[in-house]
Amino acid sequence: MIKVLFVCSRNKWRSLTAETIFSNKLPGIDVRSAGTEQGARIKVTEGLLGWADLIFVMEKRHRQRLEQRYPQALIGKRIVRMDIPDVYPYMDEELISLLAAGVAEFIELPEDFSPC
């Protein structure tokens, strides 16, 4: 089982969309999401970072915040920056396409994968 964590700022649009479209749809992959900001729906914790095998961050600043706040929890972790700006609402079609394309570089998606 590969444990994947998606991280954005407030865990309301980008990372929550990623969790929604990938949860229970990829065999052998467990998915969660969190945000780096104080007002995040679910806030990143050391425990969540420890749980994850692979961490996708939406922007450079998300990685920087994780590295500043939780350097020990990130030792040996693979962090992938997706470069998806905070301009898409939850479940936006373009956002879904960007997430699927970004994840496909690191996780093999089934041919019949449908994010919606």
Protein backbone atom coordinates (compact mmCIF):
# COMPACT_ATOMS: atom_id res chain seq x y z
CA MET A 1 0.00 0.00 0.00
CA ILE A 2 1.37 3.40 -1.02
CA LYS A 3 0.21 6.29 1.16
CA VAL A 4 -0.14 9.59 -0.71
CA LEU A 5 -0.65 13.01 0.88
CA PHE A 6 -1.76 16.06 -1.12
CA VAL A 7 -0.94 19.46 0.39
CA CYS A 8 -2.15 22.97 -0.46
CA SER A 9 -2.83 26.07 1.63
CA ARG A 10 -6.29 25.63 3.15
CA ASN A 11 -7.28 22.10 2.07
CA LYS A 12 -10.49 23.35 0.52
CA TRP A 13 -9.89 23.33 -3.24
CA ARG A 14 -6.76 21.78 -4.72
CA SER A 15 -5.68 19.11 -2.23
CA LEU A 16 -9.28 18.26 -1.34
CA THR A 17 -10.08 17.82 -5.05
CA ALA A 18 -7.07 15.50 -5.35
CA GLU A 19 -8.20 13.45 -2.36
CA THR A 20 -11.72 13.25 -3.78
CA ILE A 21 -10.71 12.12 -7.27
CA PHE A 22 -8.07 9.59 -6.20
CA SER A 23 -9.57 8.11 -3.01
CA ASN A 24 -10.80 4.53 -3.39
CA LYS A 25 -10.10 4.61 -7.14
CA LEU A 26 -6.50 3.42 -7.30
CA PRO A 27 -5.77 -0.10 -6.07
CA GLY A 28 -2.99 -0.24 -3.50
CA ILE A 29 -3.04 3.51 -2.86
CA ASP A 30 -4.37 5.28 0.23
CA VAL A 31 -4.94 9.03 -0.17
CA ARG A 32 -5.29 11.93 2.27
CA SER A 33 -5.05 15.71 2.04
CA ALA A 34 -4.18 18.64 4.28
CA GLY A 35 -3.31 22.34 4.25
CA THR A 36 -0.38 24.39 5.53
CA GLU A 37 -2.36 27.43 6.75
CA GLN A 38 -3.79 28.04 10.21
CA GLY A 39 -7.37 28.03 8.87
CA ALA A 40 -6.99 24.82 6.87
CA ARG A 41 -9.89 22.36 6.86
CA ILE A 42 -7.41 19.64 7.88
CA LYS A 43 -4.01 20.99 8.92
CA VAL A 44 -0.74 19.26 8.08
CA THR A 45 0.75 17.52 11.10
CA GLU A 46 3.95 15.67 11.78
CA GLY A 47 1.85 12.52 12.05
CA LEU A 48 0.34 12.96 8.58
CA LEU A 49 3.78 13.54 7.09
CA GLY A 50 5.09 10.46 8.88
CA TRP A 51 2.17 8.43 7.53
CA ALA A 52 2.80 9.45 3.89
CA ASP A 53 5.13 7.65 1.50
CA LEU A 54 4.69 10.26 -1.24
CA ILE A 55 3.77 13.92 -0.74
CA PHE A 56 2.40 16.13 -3.52
CA VAL A 57 2.52 19.88 -2.84
CA MET A 58 0.74 22.38 -5.06
CA GLU A 59 3.31 25.21 -4.89
CA LYS A 60 6.91 25.92 -3.94
CA ARG A 61 5.78 27.74 -0.78
CA HIS A 62 4.01 24.61 0.48
CA ARG A 63 7.22 22.61 0.31
CA GLN A 64 9.11 25.44 2.00
CA ARG A 65 6.59 25.57 4.85
CA LEU A 66 6.80 21.82 5.36
CA GLU A 67 10.60 21.92 5.36
CA GLN A 68 10.64 24.80 7.87
CA ARG A 69 8.06 23.35 10.26
CA TYR A 70 8.69 19.59 10.02
CA PRO A 71 12.26 18.92 8.84
CA GLN A 72 12.60 15.66 10.81
CA ALA A 73 9.28 14.27 9.53
CA LEU A 74 10.42 14.78 5.93
CA ILE A 75 13.62 12.76 6.17
CA GLY A 76 13.48 10.07 3.47
CA LYS A 77 10.18 11.36 2.06
CA ARG A 78 9.59 11.99 -1.61
CA ILE A 79 8.03 15.42 -2.18
CA VAL A 80 6.67 16.36 -5.61
CA ARG A 81 5.83 19.96 -6.48
CA MET A 82 2.91 20.14 -8.91
CA ASP A 83 3.01 23.91 -9.65
CA ILE A 84 -0.77 24.27 -9.60
CA PRO A 85 -1.76 27.85 -8.66
CA ASP A 86 -4.57 28.69 -6.26
CA VAL A 87 -7.04 29.78 -8.94
CA TYR A 88 -9.28 26.72 -9.29
CA PRO A 89 -12.42 25.99 -7.26
CA TYR A 90 -13.12 22.56 -5.81
CA MET A 91 -13.63 19.88 -8.51
CA ASP A 92 -12.89 22.29 -11.39
CA GLU A 93 -12.42 20.33 -14.64
CA GLU A 94 -9.07 21.96 -15.48
CA LEU A 95 -7.82 21.35 -11.93
CA ILE A 96 -8.80 17.68 -12.21
CA SER A 97 -6.89 17.39 -15.50
CA LEU A 98 -3.78 19.02 -14.00
CA LEU A 99 -3.90 16.76 -10.95
CA ALA A 100 -4.36 13.60 -13.03
CA ALA A 101 -1.50 14.55 -15.36
CA GLY A 102 0.81 15.39 -12.47
CA VAL A 103 0.07 12.21 -10.54
CA ALA A 104 0.38 10.02 -13.65
CA GLU A 105 4.10 10.88 -13.80
CA PHE A 106 4.62 9.13 -10.44
CA ILE A 107 1.74 6.69 -10.03
CA GLU A 108 0.51 4.41 -12.78
CA LEU A 109 -3.14 5.19 -13.40
CA PRO A 110 -5.37 2.44 -14.78
CA GLU A 111 -6.37 2.85 -18.44
CA ASP A 112 -10.00 3.12 -17.42
CA PHE A 113 -9.30 5.69 -14.68
CA SER A 114 -12.05 8.28 -14.49
CA PRO A 115 -11.44 11.05 -11.95
CA CYS A 116 -15.13 11.91 -11.60
